[in-house]
């Protein structure tokens, strides 16, 4: 039973009746620049970027110190993820309409570039072993869609189909996504890793599925849904899965997570929506037709509510079950939130707009605040 499997890892919700105090620290950016904070690791290092016009610089913030990550003569780059070792994963390139590629910036100052020889299509995730994965279209000279591991260990493409989309990598190097078999008109949830055959997870006959993330004790998080086909003049060329039901696989058993009363639910696709005790975070349509964030724990789906508006969208969950993301307010603005102890807290109530992207187990939250002068990166800290 999933409940028995995860119960041994369960910790309670953060306690305390008094509302926590939120301390906001603005991260330094050069004069005339704006910036964004995308991820934060366990020691509080933040990855993101600063920009002005067409110039975009990937950075790492070590507390109040900004470290510009090298991009050479290239005009653009951005940092997307940072692990606990301080390795940063991001993108560098010549800007819009030019060839871009992925880069690892390690804490010792070394770098490594990825995607050489492939048509790079998107960044994915970085794990704690300095392994990263990105999406590519066909290699130059022919081939099919797949994923590329960095450091380079080869281009992985399921036989007989193409890996239409990937979303997450775990610390064992497994990558989750979905494979499309055009001739069979099937879209199957798939796990791939270098040097091994793809693993196709079980789904009901006549359905389609996708893997989004990995949980503790071998659990796999994903969704069932309906694939949509996009066709060009030469025929079918693209598939997209529209999630309808969040699910978790425990071995060969698939468990539906349910909904908040409406017709659909979906887990996060950020790679930060499952924690080490098995909490799963996502969004679901409610009985009234609104879209709210949820936390699923031990068979129970909890509506985390909103900041007074009609919707909330989580971005990440920590190992205490605290959730950050964005929500609409009663006045129609979009604000960053922290959900803790069963309550949703506005992290920037006096601002026009804000976004929270990641949280660590020290209660430090990376995000951005938008003002009349532009967007600035911040770290919010929860004080109790």
Protein backbone atom coordinates (compact mmCIF):
# COMPACT_ATOMS: atom_id res chain seq x y z
CA UNK A 1 0.00 0.00 0.00
CA UNK A 2 1.23 3.46 -0.85
CA UNK A 3 0.08 4.79 2.52
CA UNK A 4 2.16 2.19 4.34
CA UNK A 5 5.13 2.81 2.09
CA UNK A 6 5.19 6.53 2.80
CA UNK A 7 3.92 6.57 6.37
CA UNK A 8 7.35 5.74 7.76
CA UNK A 9 8.70 8.90 6.11
CA UNK A 10 5.90 11.20 7.21
CA UNK A 11 6.50 14.29 9.27
CA UNK A 12 3.77 16.58 10.46
CA UNK A 13 2.80 19.99 9.14
CA UNK A 14 4.83 22.87 10.55
CA UNK A 15 3.28 23.78 13.87
CA UNK A 16 2.54 27.06 15.53
CA UNK A 17 -0.59 29.15 15.77
CA UNK A 18 1.13 32.49 15.31
CA UNK A 19 1.57 33.70 11.74
CA UNK A 20 5.21 33.52 10.64
CA UNK A 21 7.11 36.72 9.93
CA UNK A 22 8.38 37.06 6.36
CA UNK A 23 11.74 38.79 5.87
CA UNK A 24 12.43 40.01 2.31
CA UNK A 25 16.02 40.43 1.12
CA UNK A 26 16.62 41.97 -2.32
CA UNK A 27 19.46 40.29 -4.22
CA UNK A 28 22.05 42.65 -5.72
CA UNK A 29 21.88 43.47 -9.45
CA UNK A 30 23.99 45.93 -11.47
CA UNK A 31 22.68 49.46 -11.85
CA UNK A 32 20.12 49.66 -14.63
CA UNK A 33 19.49 45.90 -14.69
CA UNK A 34 16.51 43.81 -13.72
CA UNK A 35 16.72 40.21 -12.57
CA UNK A 36 15.03 36.99 -11.56
CA UNK A 37 15.76 34.25 -9.03
CA UNK A 38 14.96 30.77 -10.35
CA UNK A 39 16.23 28.26 -7.77
CA UNK A 40 17.73 28.00 -4.28
CA UNK A 41 19.78 25.20 -2.71
CA UNK A 42 20.03 23.94 0.86
CA UNK A 43 22.71 26.44 1.85
CA UNK A 44 20.81 29.41 0.43
CA UNK A 45 22.73 29.91 -2.82
CA UNK A 46 20.45 31.24 -5.55
CA UNK A 47 20.62 30.80 -9.34
CA UNK A 48 19.06 33.21 -11.79
CA UNK A 49 19.90 36.00 -14.22
CA UNK A 50 20.18 39.75 -14.59
CA UNK A 51 19.41 41.57 -17.80
CA UNK A 52 19.30 44.88 -19.59
CA UNK A 53 18.02 45.07 -23.14
CA UNK A 54 19.42 42.19 -25.19
CA UNK A 55 22.11 41.45 -22.60
CA UNK A 56 21.25 38.65 -20.22
CA UNK A 57 23.79 37.38 -17.70
CA UNK A 58 23.49 34.12 -15.71
CA UNK A 59 24.37 34.65 -12.06
CA UNK A 60 24.69 32.90 -8.72
CA UNK A 61 24.03 34.76 -5.52
CA UNK A 62 25.97 33.68 -2.43
CA UNK A 63 24.08 35.63 0.17
CA UNK A 64 24.70 39.30 -0.60
CA UNK A 65 27.43 38.51 -3.15
CA UNK A 66 26.58 38.26 -6.86
CA UNK A 67 28.78 35.94 -8.94
CA UNK A 68 28.51 36.45 -12.71
CA UNK A 69 28.78 33.06 -14.41
CA UNK A 70 31.04 33.09 -17.50
CA UNK A 71 29.47 33.11 -20.96
CA UNK A 72 32.50 34.34 -22.93
CA UNK A 73 31.69 36.63 -25.81
CA UNK A 74 28.09 35.45 -26.04
CA UNK A 75 25.47 38.12 -25.27
CA UNK A 76 22.88 36.00 -23.52
CA UNK A 77 22.49 33.33 -20.87
CA UNK A 78 20.44 32.33 -17.90
CA UNK A 79 20.75 30.03 -14.88
CA UNK A 80 17.81 27.74 -14.22
CA UNK A 81 18.81 25.33 -11.43
CA UNK A 82 21.37 24.93 -8.66
CA UNK A 83 22.06 21.79 -6.63
CA UNK A 84 23.38 21.46 -3.10
CA UNK A 85 26.98 21.19 -4.33
CA UNK A 86 26.66 24.65 -5.90
CA UNK A 87 26.62 23.43 -9.51
CA UNK A 88 24.45 25.64 -11.73
CA UNK A 89 22.63 24.47 -14.87
CA UNK A 90 21.56 26.99 -17.49
CA UNK A 91 21.61 28.17 -21.07
CA UNK A 92 23.99 30.31 -23.11
CA UNK A 93 23.80 31.51 -26.68
CA UNK A 94 23.53 34.35 -29.10
CA UNK A 95 19.98 35.33 -28.28
CA UNK A 96 16.78 35.04 -30.29
CA UNK A 97 17.07 33.22 -33.62
CA UNK A 98 20.56 31.85 -32.96
CA UNK A 99 21.93 28.54 -31.75
CA UNK A 100 21.77 28.06 -27.99
CA UNK A 101 23.25 25.33 -25.82
CA UNK A 102 23.23 24.21 -22.20
CA UNK A 103 26.08 24.77 -19.76
CA UNK A 104 27.08 23.49 -16.33
CA UNK A 105 28.91 25.94 -14.05
CA UNK A 106 30.56 24.05 -11.19
CA UNK A 107 31.48 25.42 -7.80
CA UNK A 108 35.22 25.02 -8.56
CA UNK A 109 34.90 27.46 -11.47
CA UNK A 110 34.97 24.87 -14.26
CA UNK A 111 32.28 24.71 -16.95
CA UNK A 112 30.94 22.07 -19.30
CA UNK A 113 28.82 22.60 -22.42
CA UNK A 114 26.12 20.27 -23.63
CA UNK A 115 24.07 19.58 -26.80
CA UNK A 116 26.92 19.77 -29.31
CA UNK A 117 25.73 18.24 -32.59
CA UNK A 118 22.03 18.30 -31.67
CA UNK A 119 19.19 20.74 -32.15
CA UNK A 120 18.74 21.91 -28.59
CA UNK A 121 15.09 22.50 -27.71
CA UNK A 122 14.94 23.06 -23.97
CA UNK A 123 16.51 22.79 -20.54
CA UNK A 124 15.23 20.26 -18.08
CA UNK A 125 16.57 19.32 -14.67
CA UNK A 126 19.78 19.00 -12.64
CA UNK A 127 20.21 16.35 -9.94
CA UNK A 128 22.46 16.16 -6.87
CA UNK A 129 25.07 14.12 -8.74
CA UNK A 130 25.78 16.95 -11.21
CA UNK A 131 23.84 15.10 -13.91
CA UNK A 132 21.60 17.21 -16.10
CA UNK A 133 19.29 16.43 -18.96
CA UNK A 134 17.94 18.49 -21.83
CA UNK A 135 15.58 17.96 -24.70
CA UNK A 136 16.80 17.77 -28.26
CA UNK A 137 15.19 17.31 -31.61
CA UNK A 138 16.85 15.02 -34.14
CA UNK A 139 20.65 14.99 -34.31
CA UNK A 140 22.14 16.78 -37.27
CA UNK A 141 22.18 14.31 -40.12
CA UNK A 142 19.07 12.43 -39.07
CA UNK A 143 17.47 10.67 -36.11
CA UNK A 144 14.51 11.16 -33.86
CA UNK A 145 13.60 13.26 -30.85
CA UNK A 146 15.08 12.31 -27.52
CA UNK A 147 16.96 13.52 -24.47
CA UNK A 148 20.63 14.30 -24.05
CA UNK A 149 22.47 13.74 -20.80
CA UNK A 150 25.17 16.10 -19.61
CA UNK A 151 27.96 15.29 -18.82
CA UNK A 152 27.72 13.56 -22.18
CA UNK A 153 26.67 9.91 -22.01
CA UNK A 154 24.75 9.72 -25.25
CA UNK A 155 21.48 10.63 -26.88
CA UNK A 156 18.60 8.46 -25.63
CA UNK A 157 15.71 7.71 -27.96
CA UNK A 158 13.18 4.89 -27.38
CA UNK A 159 13.15 2.34 -30.21
CA UNK A 160 10.14 2.57 -32.48
CA UNK A 161 8.94 5.92 -31.16
CA UNK A 162 10.16 9.31 -30.14
CA UNK A 163 10.56 10.78 -26.70
CA UNK A 164 8.11 13.60 -27.16
CA UNK A 165 8.77 15.34 -23.86
CA UNK A 166 10.81 14.90 -20.69
CA UNK A 167 10.32 16.63 -17.35
CA UNK A 168 12.48 15.32 -14.52
CA UNK A 169 15.65 13.51 -13.50
CA UNK A 170 16.23 11.77 -10.18
CA UNK A 171 19.51 11.26 -8.34
CA UNK A 172 19.85 7.79 -9.89
CA UNK A 173 19.95 9.39 -13.34
CA UNK A 174 16.48 8.25 -14.44
CA UNK A 175 14.57 10.63 -16.70
CA UNK A 176 10.78 10.66 -16.89
CA UNK A 177 8.62 11.68 -19.80
CA UNK A 178 6.48 10.20 -22.54
CA UNK A 179 7.03 8.31 -25.76
CA UNK A 180 4.84 8.64 -28.82
CA UNK A 181 4.38 5.65 -31.13
CA UNK A 182 2.88 7.25 -34.21
CA UNK A 183 1.90 4.03 -36.02
CA UNK A 184 0.12 2.72 -32.93
CA UNK A 185 -1.33 6.12 -32.00
CA UNK A 186 -0.11 5.60 -28.43
CA UNK A 187 1.45 7.97 -25.91
CA UNK A 188 3.10 5.98 -23.13
CA UNK A 189 4.65 7.13 -19.83
CA UNK A 190 8.35 6.35 -20.04
CA UNK A 191 11.50 6.22 -17.92
CA UNK A 192 14.86 6.27 -19.67
CA UNK A 193 18.46 6.14 -18.51
CA UNK A 194 21.76 5.81 -20.36
CA UNK A 195 22.69 2.28 -21.36
CA UNK A 196 19.34 0.74 -20.45
CA UNK A 197 16.13 -0.09 -22.29
CA UNK A 198 13.24 2.33 -21.75
CA UNK A 199 10.70 1.37 -19.09
CA UNK A 200 7.05 1.88 -20.08
CA UNK A 201 4.74 2.25 -17.09
CA UNK A 202 1.33 0.57 -17.03
CA UNK A 203 -1.77 2.60 -17.90
CA UNK A 204 -5.36 1.56 -18.65
CA UNK A 205 -6.03 0.44 -22.20
CA UNK A 206 -7.09 3.30 -24.45
CA UNK A 207 -5.46 6.01 -22.30
CA UNK A 208 -2.29 8.03 -22.64
CA UNK A 209 0.18 9.00 -19.94
CA UNK A 210 3.28 10.90 -19.01
CA UNK A 211 5.90 10.84 -16.22
CA UNK A 212 6.61 14.19 -14.54
CA UNK A 213 8.70 13.50 -11.45
CA UNK A 214 10.12 10.93 -9.02
CA UNK A 215 9.29 10.39 -5.36
CA UNK A 216 10.78 8.41 -2.46
CA UNK A 217 11.17 4.62 -2.38
CA UNK A 218 10.94 4.30 -6.16
CA UNK A 219 7.59 6.02 -6.62
CA UNK A 220 6.94 7.77 -9.93
CA UNK A 221 4.56 10.71 -10.40
CA UNK A 222 2.71 11.49 -13.61
CA UNK A 223 -0.66 11.92 -15.24
CA UNK A 224 -3.14 10.30 -17.56
CA UNK A 225 -4.63 12.40 -20.31
CA UNK A 226 -5.53 12.82 -23.93
CA UNK A 227 -2.90 13.40 -26.61
CA UNK A 228 -3.60 16.13 -29.12
CA UNK A 229 -2.16 15.84 -32.62
CA UNK A 230 -0.78 18.79 -34.53
CA UNK A 231 -0.48 18.27 -38.26
CA UNK A 232 1.30 20.16 -41.00
CA UNK A 233 1.14 19.91 -44.77
CA UNK A 234 3.18 16.69 -44.70
CA UNK A 235 1.03 14.98 -42.08
CA UNK A 236 1.14 14.49 -38.32
CA UNK A 237 4.21 16.10 -36.75
CA UNK A 238 3.53 16.72 -33.08
CA UNK A 239 1.81 15.32 -30.00
CA UNK A 240 0.96 17.07 -26.76
CA UNK A 241 -0.53 15.39 -23.71
CA UNK A 242 -3.31 17.30 -21.95
CA UNK A 243 -3.28 16.02 -18.33
CA UNK A 244 -6.63 14.92 -16.94
CA UNK A 245 -5.78 12.86 -13.87
CA UNK A 246 -2.71 12.99 -11.61
CA UNK A 247 -1.37 9.53 -10.77
CA UNK A 248 1.48 7.84 -8.92
CA UNK A 249 3.08 4.50 -9.73
CA UNK A 250 4.36 2.24 -6.96
CA UNK A 251 6.06 -0.61 -8.75
CA UNK A 252 3.55 -1.87 -11.32
CA UNK A 253 0.60 -0.39 -9.48
CA UNK A 254 -0.92 2.90 -10.65
CA UNK A 255 -2.91 4.99 -8.16
CA UNK A 256 -5.15 7.90 -9.18
CA UNK A 257 -4.78 10.93 -6.91
CA UNK A 258 -8.29 12.24 -7.55
CA UNK A 259 -9.37 15.86 -7.90
CA UNK A 260 -10.65 18.77 -5.81
CA UNK A 261 -14.20 18.11 -6.96
CA UNK A 262 -13.79 19.09 -10.59
CA UNK A 263 -12.97 16.98 -13.63
CA UNK A 264 -9.16 17.22 -13.79
CA UNK A 265 -5.92 17.30 -11.83
CA UNK A 266 -2.25 17.47 -12.81
CA UNK A 267 1.07 17.29 -10.93
CA UNK A 268 3.70 19.99 -11.29
CA UNK A 269 6.08 19.90 -14.23
CA UNK A 270 8.77 21.98 -12.47
CA UNK A 271 10.73 19.02 -11.05
CA UNK A 272 10.07 20.48 -7.57
CA UNK A 273 6.62 19.09 -6.93
CA UNK A 274 7.46 15.94 -4.93
CA UNK A 275 9.35 15.92 -1.63
CA UNK A 276 11.30 13.31 0.31
CA UNK A 277 8.30 12.25 2.42
CA UNK A 278 6.11 11.59 -0.61
CA UNK A 279 3.98 14.76 -0.74
CA UNK A 280 2.83 15.47 -4.29
CA UNK A 281 1.89 18.98 -5.38
CA UNK A 282 -0.08 20.12 -8.39
CA UNK A 283 -3.26 21.82 -9.56
CA UNK A 284 -6.84 20.65 -9.86
CA UNK A 285 -10.15 22.06 -11.00
CA UNK A 286 -12.58 22.50 -8.13
CA UNK A 287 -16.31 21.78 -8.12
CA UNK A 288 -16.93 25.48 -8.83
CA UNK A 289 -14.64 25.43 -11.87
CA UNK A 290 -11.68 27.28 -10.36
CA UNK A 291 -8.10 26.00 -10.57
CA UNK A 292 -6.45 25.58 -7.17
CA UNK A 293 -3.18 24.13 -6.00
CA UNK A 294 -3.29 20.87 -4.07
CA UNK A 295 -1.08 18.81 -1.81
CA UNK A 296 -1.59 15.05 -1.87
CA UNK A 297 -0.37 13.16 1.20
CA UNK A 298 -1.06 9.55 2.15
CA UNK A 299 -4.13 9.23 -0.04
CA UNK A 300 -5.66 12.60 0.80
CA UNK A 301 -5.78 15.60 -1.53
CA UNK A 302 -5.89 18.97 0.23
CA UNK A 303 -7.00 22.22 -1.40
CA UNK A 304 -4.39 24.84 -0.49
CA UNK A 305 -6.76 27.66 -1.41
CA UNK A 306 -5.88 31.08 -2.85
CA UNK A 307 -5.01 34.61 -1.75
CA UNK A 308 -8.60 35.66 -2.33
CA UNK A 309 -8.74 35.31 -6.10
CA UNK A 310 -9.94 32.40 -8.23
CA UNK A 311 -6.66 30.51 -8.75
CA UNK A 312 -3.38 29.34 -7.27
CA UNK A 313 -0.44 27.61 -8.94
CA UNK A 314 2.26 25.92 -6.86
CA UNK A 315 5.89 25.93 -8.01
CA UNK A 316 7.69 23.88 -5.35
CA UNK A 317 7.34 21.98 -2.07
CA UNK A 318 9.94 21.45 0.66
CA UNK A 319 10.41 18.37 2.84
CA UNK A 320 8.14 19.80 5.55
CA UNK A 321 5.26 20.02 3.10
CA UNK A 322 5.45 23.81 2.77
CA UNK A 323 4.46 25.01 -0.69
CA UNK A 324 5.36 28.15 -2.66
CA UNK A 325 3.95 29.50 -5.88
CA UNK A 326 1.66 32.22 -7.19
CA UNK A 327 -1.98 33.03 -6.59
CA UNK A 328 -4.46 35.64 -7.72
CA UNK A 329 -5.58 38.07 -5.05
CA UNK A 330 -9.03 39.50 -4.42
CA UNK A 331 -8.02 42.62 -6.36
CA UNK A 332 -6.89 40.56 -9.38
CA UNK A 333 -3.13 40.83 -8.87
CA UNK A 334 -0.78 37.85 -8.95
CA UNK A 335 1.30 37.42 -5.80
CA UNK A 336 3.85 34.94 -4.48
CA UNK A 337 2.61 32.77 -1.64
CA UNK A 338 3.82 30.41 1.05
CA UNK A 339 1.42 27.70 2.18
CA UNK A 340 2.37 26.44 5.64
CA UNK A 341 0.49 24.94 8.54
CA UNK A 342 -2.69 24.86 6.44
CA UNK A 343 -2.60 28.61 5.72
CA UNK A 344 -1.65 30.58 2.61
CA UNK A 345 0.48 33.66 3.26
CA UNK A 346 1.07 36.51 0.81
CA UNK A 347 4.84 36.97 0.59
CA UNK A 348 4.64 40.44 -0.95
CA UNK A 349 1.31 42.02 0.03
CA UNK A 350 2.40 45.58 -0.70
CA UNK A 351 3.68 44.89 -4.21
CA UNK A 352 1.90 44.89 -7.55
CA UNK A 353 3.13 41.48 -8.67
CA UNK A 354 5.47 38.77 -7.37
CA UNK A 355 6.50 35.19 -8.08
CA UNK A 356 7.95 32.42 -5.90
CA UNK A 357 9.90 29.72 -7.72
CA UNK A 358 11.68 27.52 -5.16
CA UNK A 359 12.01 26.81 -1.42
CA UNK A 360 14.66 25.01 0.62
CA UNK A 361 14.30 23.19 3.92
CA UNK A 362 15.49 26.25 5.86
CA UNK A 363 12.38 28.12 4.80
CA UNK A 364 14.25 30.33 2.31
CA UNK A 365 12.20 31.12 -0.78
CA UNK A 366 13.58 32.33 -4.12
CA UNK A 367 11.45 34.57 -6.28
CA UNK A 368 10.93 37.94 -7.86
CA UNK A 369 9.01 41.15 -7.23
CA UNK A 370 7.78 43.35 -10.07
CA UNK A 371 7.58 47.11 -9.53
CA UNK A 372 7.31 50.14 -11.77
CA UNK A 373 11.11 49.98 -12.15
CA UNK A 374 11.09 46.36 -13.35
CA UNK A 375 11.56 42.92 -11.84
CA UNK A 376 14.04 42.32 -9.05
CA UNK A 377 15.19 39.01 -7.52
CA UNK A 378 14.53 38.40 -3.84
CA UNK A 379 14.81 35.80 -1.12
CA UNK A 380 12.05 35.55 1.44
CA UNK A 381 12.86 33.91 4.77
CA UNK A 382 10.23 32.51 7.10
CA UNK A 383 10.74 33.51 10.74
CA UNK A 384 8.72 31.85 13.47
